[in-house]
Amino acid sequence: MHAGKANKSYLAVKTCVVCQRPFTWRKKWEKVWDEVKYCSEQCKRNKPQNSTGSQTPTT
């Protein structure tokens, strides 16, 4: 039996580009860790808009 929680300080850490909070590596991100930018689905939905989006008016 375990005596308390496992020490996960060895996991990689990144900073979320939206909320600026640190988040750690997860198994589900194993193959795409280099592409992960957001700590959660909420932050992914609230990501900043690009200036080259489809909302740019055409003249």
Protein backbone atom coordinates (compact mmCIF):
# COMPACT_ATOMS: atom_id res chain seq x y z
CA MET A 1 0.00 0.00 0.00
CA HIS A 2 1.06 3.58 -0.65
CA ALA A 3 1.85 5.84 2.24
CA GLY A 4 0.46 9.10 0.84
CA LYS A 5 0.48 10.66 -2.61
CA ALA A 6 3.17 9.96 -5.17
CA ASN A 7 5.75 12.68 -5.79
CA LYS A 8 5.10 14.03 -9.29
CA SER A 9 7.66 16.83 -9.22
CA TYR A 10 9.57 15.09 -12.03
CA LEU A 11 6.79 15.78 -14.58
CA ALA A 12 7.30 18.48 -17.21
CA VAL A 13 5.61 21.83 -16.58
CA LYS A 14 4.33 24.48 -19.00
CA THR A 15 2.57 27.82 -18.52
CA CYS A 16 -0.91 28.27 -19.99
CA VAL A 17 -0.95 31.03 -22.63
CA VAL A 18 -4.40 32.22 -21.48
CA CYS A 19 -4.41 32.15 -17.67
CA GLN A 20 -0.61 32.11 -17.15
CA ARG A 21 -0.88 29.30 -14.60
CA PRO A 22 1.55 26.38 -14.62
CA PHE A 23 0.26 22.93 -15.60
CA THR A 24 1.96 19.55 -15.66
CA TRP A 25 2.34 16.83 -18.26
CA ARG A 26 -0.53 14.36 -18.60
CA LYS A 27 -0.54 10.91 -20.13
CA LYS A 28 -3.18 11.95 -22.70
CA TRP A 29 -0.76 14.64 -23.99
CA GLU A 30 2.14 12.18 -24.32
CA LYS A 31 2.36 12.32 -28.13
CA VAL A 32 1.46 16.01 -28.54
CA TRP A 33 3.14 17.64 -25.52
CA ASP A 34 5.15 20.02 -27.73
CA GLU A 35 1.88 21.36 -29.19
CA VAL A 36 -0.03 21.78 -25.90
CA LYS A 37 -0.64 25.46 -25.05
CA TYR A 38 -3.69 25.44 -22.78
CA CYS A 39 -4.20 23.98 -19.30
CA SER A 40 -7.90 23.21 -19.83
CA GLU A 41 -10.76 23.14 -22.31
CA GLN A 42 -12.04 26.38 -20.77
CA CYS A 43 -8.76 28.17 -21.53
CA LYS A 44 -8.74 26.67 -25.02
CA ARG A 45 -12.22 28.11 -25.66
CA ASN A 46 -11.18 31.51 -24.27
CA LYS A 47 -7.97 31.78 -26.28
CA PRO A 48 -7.09 35.22 -27.66
CA GLN A 49 -8.32 35.95 -31.19
CA ASN A 50 -5.77 36.24 -33.99
CA SER A 51 -5.72 39.44 -36.02
CA THR A 52 -5.68 37.32 -39.22
CA GLY A 53 -9.04 35.67 -38.49
CA SER A 54 -12.09 35.59 -40.73
CA GLN A 55 -13.49 38.70 -39.03
CA THR A 56 -11.03 40.94 -40.89
CA PRO A 57 -13.05 43.29 -43.12
CA THR A 58 -12.31 43.23 -46.81
CA THR A 59 -12.28 46.42 -48.91
